[in-house]
N, C-alpha and C. Protein backbone atom coordinates (compact mmCIF):
# COMPACT_ATOMS: atom_id res chain seq x y z
N MET A 1 40.52 -5.55 -44.26
CA MET A 1 39.89 -4.29 -43.93
C MET A 1 39.83 -4.16 -42.41
N ASN A 2 40.15 -3.00 -41.91
CA ASN A 2 40.20 -2.75 -40.48
C ASN A 2 38.86 -2.17 -40.03
N ALA A 3 38.12 -2.89 -39.23
CA ALA A 3 36.80 -2.46 -38.78
C ALA A 3 36.93 -1.48 -37.61
N ASN A 4 36.02 -0.51 -37.57
CA ASN A 4 35.90 0.38 -36.44
C ASN A 4 34.91 -0.23 -35.45
N LEU A 5 35.26 -0.17 -34.17
CA LEU A 5 34.36 -0.65 -33.11
C LEU A 5 33.85 0.54 -32.33
N GLN A 6 32.62 0.44 -31.87
CA GLN A 6 32.10 1.46 -30.96
C GLN A 6 32.57 1.09 -29.56
N VAL A 7 33.14 2.08 -28.88
CA VAL A 7 33.58 1.91 -27.51
C VAL A 7 32.91 3.01 -26.69
N VAL A 8 32.20 2.62 -25.66
CA VAL A 8 31.53 3.58 -24.79
C VAL A 8 32.50 4.02 -23.72
N CYS A 9 32.64 5.33 -23.54
CA CYS A 9 33.59 5.87 -22.56
C CYS A 9 33.19 5.45 -21.14
N PRO A 10 34.15 4.98 -20.35
CA PRO A 10 33.84 4.57 -18.98
C PRO A 10 33.55 5.77 -18.05
N GLN A 11 33.88 6.98 -18.49
CA GLN A 11 33.65 8.16 -17.67
C GLN A 11 32.38 8.90 -18.03
N CYS A 12 32.25 9.29 -19.32
CA CYS A 12 31.12 10.14 -19.73
C CYS A 12 30.08 9.41 -20.57
N ASP A 13 30.32 8.14 -20.89
CA ASP A 13 29.41 7.31 -21.69
C ASP A 13 29.24 7.77 -23.13
N ALA A 14 30.15 8.61 -23.62
CA ALA A 14 30.12 9.02 -25.02
C ALA A 14 30.51 7.84 -25.89
N ILE A 15 30.01 7.81 -27.10
CA ILE A 15 30.34 6.74 -28.05
C ILE A 15 31.55 7.18 -28.85
N ASN A 16 32.54 6.29 -28.92
CA ASN A 16 33.77 6.54 -29.66
C ASN A 16 33.95 5.43 -30.68
N ARG A 17 34.41 5.79 -31.87
CA ARG A 17 34.71 4.78 -32.88
C ARG A 17 36.23 4.61 -32.91
N VAL A 18 36.65 3.37 -32.71
CA VAL A 18 38.08 3.05 -32.63
C VAL A 18 38.38 1.92 -33.60
N PRO A 19 39.40 2.09 -34.46
CA PRO A 19 39.78 0.95 -35.33
C PRO A 19 40.17 -0.24 -34.45
N GLU A 20 39.65 -1.41 -34.79
CA GLU A 20 39.90 -2.61 -33.99
C GLU A 20 41.40 -2.84 -33.78
N ALA A 21 42.19 -2.59 -34.79
CA ALA A 21 43.64 -2.80 -34.70
C ALA A 21 44.31 -1.80 -33.75
N ARG A 22 43.61 -0.72 -33.37
CA ARG A 22 44.20 0.31 -32.51
C ARG A 22 43.67 0.27 -31.08
N LEU A 23 42.89 -0.75 -30.74
CA LEU A 23 42.35 -0.84 -29.38
C LEU A 23 43.45 -0.83 -28.33
N GLY A 24 44.56 -1.47 -28.61
CA GLY A 24 45.65 -1.57 -27.64
C GLY A 24 46.57 -0.36 -27.60
N ASP A 25 46.25 0.67 -28.37
CA ASP A 25 47.11 1.86 -28.44
C ASP A 25 46.75 2.95 -27.44
N GLY A 26 45.95 2.62 -26.45
CA GLY A 26 45.58 3.60 -25.43
C GLY A 26 44.63 4.67 -25.93
N PRO A 27 43.53 4.28 -26.63
CA PRO A 27 42.61 5.30 -27.15
C PRO A 27 41.96 6.09 -26.02
N ARG A 28 41.64 7.35 -26.34
CA ARG A 28 41.01 8.25 -25.39
C ARG A 28 39.66 8.70 -25.93
N CYS A 29 38.80 9.10 -25.04
CA CYS A 29 37.46 9.56 -25.40
C CYS A 29 37.57 10.89 -26.15
N GLY A 30 36.87 10.98 -27.27
CA GLY A 30 36.84 12.22 -28.04
C GLY A 30 36.08 13.32 -27.34
N GLU A 31 35.24 12.98 -26.38
CA GLU A 31 34.43 13.96 -25.68
C GLU A 31 35.12 14.49 -24.42
N CYS A 32 35.51 13.58 -23.51
CA CYS A 32 36.07 14.01 -22.22
C CYS A 32 37.57 13.76 -22.09
N ARG A 33 38.18 13.09 -23.07
CA ARG A 33 39.62 12.80 -23.12
C ARG A 33 40.06 11.73 -22.12
N ALA A 34 39.15 11.07 -21.43
CA ALA A 34 39.51 9.99 -20.50
C ALA A 34 39.97 8.77 -21.29
N ALA A 35 40.80 7.95 -20.66
CA ALA A 35 41.21 6.69 -21.29
C ALA A 35 39.99 5.81 -21.47
N LEU A 36 39.88 5.19 -22.65
CA LEU A 36 38.73 4.32 -22.90
C LEU A 36 38.85 2.98 -22.20
N PHE A 37 40.08 2.59 -21.89
CA PHE A 37 40.32 1.34 -21.15
C PHE A 37 41.30 1.63 -20.03
N GLU A 38 40.95 1.18 -18.83
CA GLU A 38 41.78 1.45 -17.66
C GLU A 38 42.32 0.19 -17.02
N GLY A 39 42.01 -0.98 -17.57
CA GLY A 39 42.51 -2.23 -17.01
C GLY A 39 41.91 -2.57 -15.66
N LYS A 40 40.68 -2.09 -15.41
CA LYS A 40 39.99 -2.41 -14.17
C LYS A 40 38.49 -2.48 -14.45
N PRO A 41 37.75 -3.24 -13.64
CA PRO A 41 36.31 -3.34 -13.86
C PRO A 41 35.62 -1.98 -13.70
N LEU A 42 34.56 -1.83 -14.43
CA LEU A 42 33.77 -0.60 -14.42
C LEU A 42 32.46 -0.88 -13.71
N ALA A 43 32.20 -0.19 -12.59
CA ALA A 43 30.94 -0.35 -11.87
C ALA A 43 29.88 0.50 -12.54
N LEU A 44 28.77 -0.15 -12.91
CA LEU A 44 27.71 0.55 -13.63
C LEU A 44 26.37 0.41 -12.96
N SER A 45 25.56 1.47 -13.05
CA SER A 45 24.16 1.42 -12.65
C SER A 45 23.38 0.69 -13.72
N GLU A 46 22.13 0.43 -13.48
CA GLU A 46 21.30 -0.27 -14.47
C GLU A 46 21.22 0.53 -15.77
N ASP A 47 20.98 1.84 -15.69
CA ASP A 47 20.87 2.66 -16.89
C ASP A 47 22.17 2.69 -17.68
N ARG A 48 23.28 2.86 -16.98
CA ARG A 48 24.57 2.89 -17.68
C ARG A 48 24.89 1.52 -18.27
N PHE A 49 24.56 0.44 -17.57
CA PHE A 49 24.78 -0.91 -18.11
C PHE A 49 24.00 -1.07 -19.41
N ARG A 50 22.75 -0.66 -19.41
CA ARG A 50 21.92 -0.81 -20.61
C ARG A 50 22.52 -0.01 -21.79
N ARG A 51 23.06 1.18 -21.51
CA ARG A 51 23.70 1.96 -22.57
C ARG A 51 24.92 1.24 -23.13
N HIS A 52 25.78 0.76 -22.24
CA HIS A 52 26.98 0.04 -22.67
C HIS A 52 26.59 -1.22 -23.45
N LEU A 53 25.60 -1.95 -22.96
CA LEU A 53 25.16 -3.17 -23.62
C LEU A 53 24.65 -2.87 -25.03
N ARG A 54 23.86 -1.83 -25.16
CA ARG A 54 23.25 -1.48 -26.44
C ARG A 54 24.26 -0.96 -27.45
N LEU A 55 25.29 -0.23 -26.97
CA LEU A 55 26.16 0.51 -27.89
C LEU A 55 27.59 0.00 -28.02
N SER A 56 28.00 -0.92 -27.15
CA SER A 56 29.40 -1.36 -27.15
C SER A 56 29.70 -2.34 -28.27
N GLY A 57 30.80 -2.09 -28.97
CA GLY A 57 31.27 -3.02 -29.99
C GLY A 57 32.22 -4.07 -29.45
N VAL A 58 32.62 -3.92 -28.19
CA VAL A 58 33.48 -4.94 -27.57
C VAL A 58 32.62 -5.77 -26.62
N PRO A 59 32.92 -7.06 -26.48
CA PRO A 59 32.15 -7.90 -25.57
C PRO A 59 32.23 -7.36 -24.13
N LEU A 60 31.17 -7.60 -23.38
CA LEU A 60 31.09 -7.18 -21.98
C LEU A 60 31.03 -8.42 -21.10
N LEU A 61 31.95 -8.50 -20.15
CA LEU A 61 31.92 -9.57 -19.16
C LEU A 61 31.44 -8.93 -17.86
N VAL A 62 30.27 -9.34 -17.40
CA VAL A 62 29.61 -8.69 -16.28
C VAL A 62 29.61 -9.59 -15.06
N ASP A 63 30.05 -9.00 -13.94
CA ASP A 63 30.00 -9.66 -12.64
C ASP A 63 28.78 -9.12 -11.91
N PHE A 64 27.74 -9.95 -11.75
CA PHE A 64 26.58 -9.58 -10.95
C PHE A 64 26.87 -10.00 -9.52
N TRP A 65 26.83 -9.06 -8.61
CA TRP A 65 27.30 -9.27 -7.26
C TRP A 65 26.44 -8.48 -6.27
N ALA A 66 26.72 -8.65 -4.97
CA ALA A 66 26.08 -7.88 -3.91
C ALA A 66 27.08 -7.67 -2.78
N SER A 67 26.95 -6.55 -2.08
CA SER A 67 27.92 -6.21 -1.03
C SER A 67 27.89 -7.18 0.14
N TRP A 68 26.75 -7.82 0.41
CA TRP A 68 26.62 -8.74 1.53
C TRP A 68 27.13 -10.13 1.22
N CYS A 69 27.47 -10.39 -0.04
CA CYS A 69 27.83 -11.74 -0.51
C CYS A 69 29.33 -12.00 -0.30
N GLY A 70 29.66 -12.94 0.60
CA GLY A 70 31.05 -13.27 0.87
C GLY A 70 31.80 -13.77 -0.36
N PRO A 71 31.26 -14.73 -1.11
CA PRO A 71 31.95 -15.19 -2.32
C PRO A 71 32.14 -14.06 -3.35
N CYS A 72 31.19 -13.13 -3.41
CA CYS A 72 31.34 -11.99 -4.34
C CYS A 72 32.54 -11.14 -3.93
N ARG A 73 32.65 -10.86 -2.65
CA ARG A 73 33.79 -10.05 -2.16
C ARG A 73 35.09 -10.80 -2.35
N ALA A 74 35.05 -12.14 -2.16
CA ALA A 74 36.27 -12.94 -2.34
C ALA A 74 36.71 -12.95 -3.80
N MET A 75 35.77 -12.91 -4.74
CA MET A 75 36.10 -12.96 -6.15
C MET A 75 36.52 -11.60 -6.71
N ALA A 76 36.24 -10.52 -6.01
CA ALA A 76 36.51 -9.17 -6.53
C ALA A 76 37.97 -8.98 -6.97
N PRO A 77 38.98 -9.38 -6.18
CA PRO A 77 40.36 -9.22 -6.64
C PRO A 77 40.67 -10.02 -7.91
N ALA A 78 40.08 -11.19 -8.03
CA ALA A 78 40.29 -12.02 -9.24
C ALA A 78 39.67 -11.34 -10.45
N PHE A 79 38.52 -10.71 -10.26
CA PHE A 79 37.87 -10.01 -11.38
C PHE A 79 38.71 -8.80 -11.79
N GLU A 80 39.33 -8.13 -10.81
CA GLU A 80 40.25 -7.01 -11.11
C GLU A 80 41.42 -7.51 -11.96
N THR A 81 42.01 -8.63 -11.57
CA THR A 81 43.12 -9.21 -12.31
C THR A 81 42.69 -9.59 -13.72
N ALA A 82 41.49 -10.16 -13.85
CA ALA A 82 40.98 -10.56 -15.17
C ALA A 82 40.80 -9.35 -16.07
N ALA A 83 40.41 -8.21 -15.49
CA ALA A 83 40.24 -6.99 -16.30
C ALA A 83 41.56 -6.59 -16.95
N GLN A 84 42.63 -6.72 -16.21
CA GLN A 84 43.95 -6.37 -16.75
C GLN A 84 44.31 -7.30 -17.91
N ALA A 85 43.89 -8.56 -17.85
CA ALA A 85 44.20 -9.53 -18.89
C ALA A 85 43.31 -9.37 -20.13
N HIS A 86 42.07 -8.96 -19.95
CA HIS A 86 41.11 -8.92 -21.05
C HIS A 86 41.03 -7.58 -21.80
N GLU A 87 41.20 -6.47 -21.07
CA GLU A 87 41.07 -5.19 -21.78
C GLU A 87 42.26 -5.00 -22.70
N PRO A 88 42.07 -4.42 -23.86
CA PRO A 88 40.91 -3.68 -24.36
C PRO A 88 39.96 -4.49 -25.24
N HIS A 89 40.14 -5.78 -25.33
CA HIS A 89 39.32 -6.57 -26.25
C HIS A 89 38.02 -7.04 -25.62
N MET A 90 37.86 -6.75 -24.34
CA MET A 90 36.64 -7.09 -23.61
C MET A 90 36.54 -6.10 -22.45
N ARG A 91 35.36 -5.58 -22.21
CA ARG A 91 35.14 -4.66 -21.09
C ARG A 91 34.59 -5.47 -19.91
N LEU A 92 35.21 -5.34 -18.73
CA LEU A 92 34.71 -6.01 -17.54
C LEU A 92 33.91 -5.01 -16.72
N ILE A 93 32.72 -5.45 -16.33
CA ILE A 93 31.75 -4.60 -15.67
C ILE A 93 31.25 -5.27 -14.41
N LYS A 94 30.98 -4.46 -13.38
CA LYS A 94 30.36 -4.95 -12.15
C LYS A 94 29.00 -4.28 -12.03
N VAL A 95 27.97 -5.09 -11.78
CA VAL A 95 26.62 -4.58 -11.55
C VAL A 95 26.13 -5.15 -10.22
N SER A 96 25.78 -4.25 -9.31
CA SER A 96 25.26 -4.66 -8.01
C SER A 96 23.79 -5.04 -8.14
N THR A 97 23.47 -6.27 -7.74
CA THR A 97 22.08 -6.70 -7.80
C THR A 97 21.24 -5.98 -6.74
N GLU A 98 21.89 -5.43 -5.73
CA GLU A 98 21.18 -4.63 -4.71
C GLU A 98 20.73 -3.30 -5.31
N GLU A 99 21.57 -2.71 -6.16
CA GLU A 99 21.27 -1.42 -6.76
C GLU A 99 20.47 -1.54 -8.05
N ALA A 100 20.45 -2.72 -8.66
CA ALA A 100 19.72 -2.93 -9.91
C ALA A 100 18.88 -4.21 -9.82
N PRO A 101 17.95 -4.28 -8.84
CA PRO A 101 17.18 -5.51 -8.67
C PRO A 101 16.28 -5.83 -9.86
N ALA A 102 15.74 -4.84 -10.53
CA ALA A 102 14.88 -5.10 -11.69
C ALA A 102 15.69 -5.73 -12.83
N LEU A 103 16.91 -5.26 -13.02
CA LEU A 103 17.78 -5.83 -14.04
C LEU A 103 18.12 -7.29 -13.71
N ALA A 104 18.45 -7.53 -12.44
CA ALA A 104 18.78 -8.89 -12.01
C ALA A 104 17.59 -9.83 -12.23
N THR A 105 16.39 -9.35 -11.96
CA THR A 105 15.18 -10.15 -12.19
C THR A 105 14.98 -10.38 -13.68
N GLU A 106 15.11 -9.32 -14.47
CA GLU A 106 14.92 -9.43 -15.93
C GLU A 106 15.89 -10.44 -16.55
N LEU A 107 17.13 -10.46 -16.06
CA LEU A 107 18.14 -11.35 -16.60
C LEU A 107 18.17 -12.71 -15.90
N ALA A 108 17.26 -12.91 -14.96
CA ALA A 108 17.14 -14.18 -14.22
C ALA A 108 18.45 -14.54 -13.50
N ILE A 109 19.03 -13.54 -12.83
CA ILE A 109 20.21 -13.80 -12.02
C ILE A 109 19.70 -14.42 -10.71
N SER A 110 19.90 -15.72 -10.57
CA SER A 110 19.33 -16.42 -9.42
C SER A 110 20.33 -16.73 -8.33
N SER A 111 21.62 -16.59 -8.62
CA SER A 111 22.64 -16.76 -7.60
C SER A 111 23.77 -15.79 -7.89
N ILE A 112 24.50 -15.44 -6.87
CA ILE A 112 25.63 -14.53 -7.04
C ILE A 112 26.83 -15.11 -6.31
N PRO A 113 28.02 -14.82 -6.80
CA PRO A 113 28.28 -14.06 -8.02
C PRO A 113 27.91 -14.86 -9.27
N THR A 114 27.49 -14.13 -10.28
CA THR A 114 27.24 -14.71 -11.60
C THR A 114 27.99 -13.88 -12.62
N LEU A 115 28.75 -14.54 -13.48
CA LEU A 115 29.41 -13.88 -14.60
C LEU A 115 28.55 -14.13 -15.83
N ALA A 116 28.30 -13.06 -16.59
CA ALA A 116 27.57 -13.19 -17.84
C ALA A 116 28.35 -12.48 -18.93
N LEU A 117 28.50 -13.14 -20.05
CA LEU A 117 29.23 -12.57 -21.18
C LEU A 117 28.22 -12.13 -22.23
N PHE A 118 28.32 -10.86 -22.63
CA PHE A 118 27.43 -10.29 -23.63
C PHE A 118 28.26 -9.89 -24.84
N ALA A 119 27.73 -10.16 -26.02
CA ALA A 119 28.36 -9.74 -27.28
C ALA A 119 27.25 -9.38 -28.24
N GLY A 120 27.44 -8.27 -28.95
CA GLY A 120 26.40 -7.86 -29.88
C GLY A 120 25.09 -7.54 -29.22
N GLY A 121 25.12 -7.11 -27.95
CA GLY A 121 23.92 -6.72 -27.25
C GLY A 121 23.13 -7.87 -26.65
N ARG A 122 23.64 -9.09 -26.72
CA ARG A 122 22.90 -10.22 -26.14
C ARG A 122 23.82 -11.11 -25.32
N GLU A 123 23.22 -11.82 -24.37
CA GLU A 123 23.99 -12.74 -23.53
C GLU A 123 24.37 -13.96 -24.34
N VAL A 124 25.65 -14.33 -24.26
CA VAL A 124 26.13 -15.51 -25.00
C VAL A 124 26.63 -16.62 -24.07
N ALA A 125 26.88 -16.31 -22.80
CA ALA A 125 27.34 -17.34 -21.87
C ALA A 125 27.13 -16.84 -20.43
N ARG A 126 27.04 -17.82 -19.52
CA ARG A 126 26.84 -17.49 -18.10
C ARG A 126 27.56 -18.52 -17.25
N GLN A 127 28.12 -18.05 -16.13
CA GLN A 127 28.83 -18.92 -15.20
C GLN A 127 28.49 -18.45 -13.78
N ALA A 128 27.92 -19.33 -12.98
CA ALA A 128 27.61 -18.98 -11.59
C ALA A 128 28.72 -19.45 -10.68
N GLY A 129 28.93 -18.69 -9.60
CA GLY A 129 29.92 -19.06 -8.60
C GLY A 129 31.23 -18.30 -8.73
N ALA A 130 31.92 -18.19 -7.61
CA ALA A 130 33.20 -17.48 -7.58
C ALA A 130 34.28 -18.29 -8.30
N LEU A 131 35.09 -17.59 -9.07
CA LEU A 131 36.19 -18.22 -9.80
C LEU A 131 37.49 -17.47 -9.54
N PRO A 132 38.63 -18.18 -9.60
CA PRO A 132 39.92 -17.48 -9.54
C PRO A 132 40.16 -16.76 -10.87
N ALA A 133 41.08 -15.81 -10.87
CA ALA A 133 41.36 -15.00 -12.06
C ALA A 133 41.67 -15.85 -13.28
N SER A 134 42.48 -16.89 -13.12
CA SER A 134 42.86 -17.70 -14.27
C SER A 134 41.65 -18.38 -14.91
N ARG A 135 40.70 -18.80 -14.10
CA ARG A 135 39.48 -19.44 -14.63
C ARG A 135 38.56 -18.40 -15.27
N ILE A 136 38.50 -17.19 -14.71
CA ILE A 136 37.69 -16.14 -15.32
C ILE A 136 38.23 -15.85 -16.72
N VAL A 137 39.54 -15.70 -16.81
CA VAL A 137 40.20 -15.39 -18.09
C VAL A 137 39.97 -16.51 -19.09
N SER A 138 40.22 -17.77 -18.70
CA SER A 138 40.09 -18.88 -19.65
C SER A 138 38.63 -19.10 -20.06
N TRP A 139 37.69 -18.98 -19.09
CA TRP A 139 36.28 -19.16 -19.42
C TRP A 139 35.82 -18.09 -20.41
N ALA A 140 36.15 -16.84 -20.15
CA ALA A 140 35.72 -15.75 -21.03
C ALA A 140 36.33 -15.90 -22.43
N LYS A 141 37.60 -16.23 -22.50
CA LYS A 141 38.24 -16.39 -23.81
C LYS A 141 37.63 -17.55 -24.59
N SER A 142 37.25 -18.61 -23.89
CA SER A 142 36.73 -19.78 -24.59
C SER A 142 35.28 -19.58 -25.03
N THR A 143 34.58 -18.63 -24.46
CA THR A 143 33.16 -18.45 -24.78
C THR A 143 32.87 -17.22 -25.64
N VAL A 144 33.82 -16.30 -25.77
CA VAL A 144 33.54 -15.11 -26.58
C VAL A 144 33.43 -15.50 -28.05
N PRO A 145 32.36 -15.01 -28.72
CA PRO A 145 32.21 -15.34 -30.13
C PRO A 145 33.34 -14.75 -30.96
N ALA A 146 33.73 -15.45 -32.02
CA ALA A 146 34.82 -14.99 -32.90
C ALA A 146 34.39 -13.83 -33.76
């Protein structure tokens, strides 16, 4: 049986139901017609992150970062590369701890960059420190629940 997954649009945040087997077929938002996956990280505010976390049927790999953080800036290109490798089976998201300090406190983000993997609306794994793209990809694949 082919399950439908909820995919939150990266542009308008509308909820779309996509058959899991068709994720790689370039699905578009039924509301705004934007591509549901663009092969690049999605920068989200705290409110938008919470919506994606609550409603997304695909795992979310989140980079918690800050503009003043040298290792965060150094890891940004690797995170971009990882997005190309993981989408559409995982959404890569960037959340600025400067712009969402309450969220960072709530999630106990104590160092940056921190990668956190969420599935089913809850955190399932965390990795602190900058990683190269190959390590981001292998770590996320090895920790995502089946």
